[in-house]
């Protein structure tokens, strides 16, 4: 399936946050971009914790779906793609655990990139 214009193809060397997308979403308002990223940072942390504690497929799907949407909104497309994988395998314990580990790594990468995006 091809990606839409709003979600460019993510390559291995892609940045954790697509700044061109974030700029479009915030209409070039740097203060708004900082606030949106701050909210994503907070939400991503909470949603990862919810996924780790989720004891049923419904809770896993809901948390992964919410994280996928938040990630797409800020341009964290690798996070969104893996959150979609987590969402799809919520019923398969082995696949879920593996996907969750990959998701955690990408979320950490995105969250660590946020302070550097606007010069610290």
Foldseek 3Di string as FASTA:
>chain_A
DADDPLAHDDDPPDAQFDVVSLCVLVVNDVVVLLVLLVVLLVLLVVLLVQCVPDPALVSLLVSLVVNLVSCSSRRSNVLNVLSVQLNVCSHPVVSNVVSSVVNVVSSVSNSVCSVPPVPD
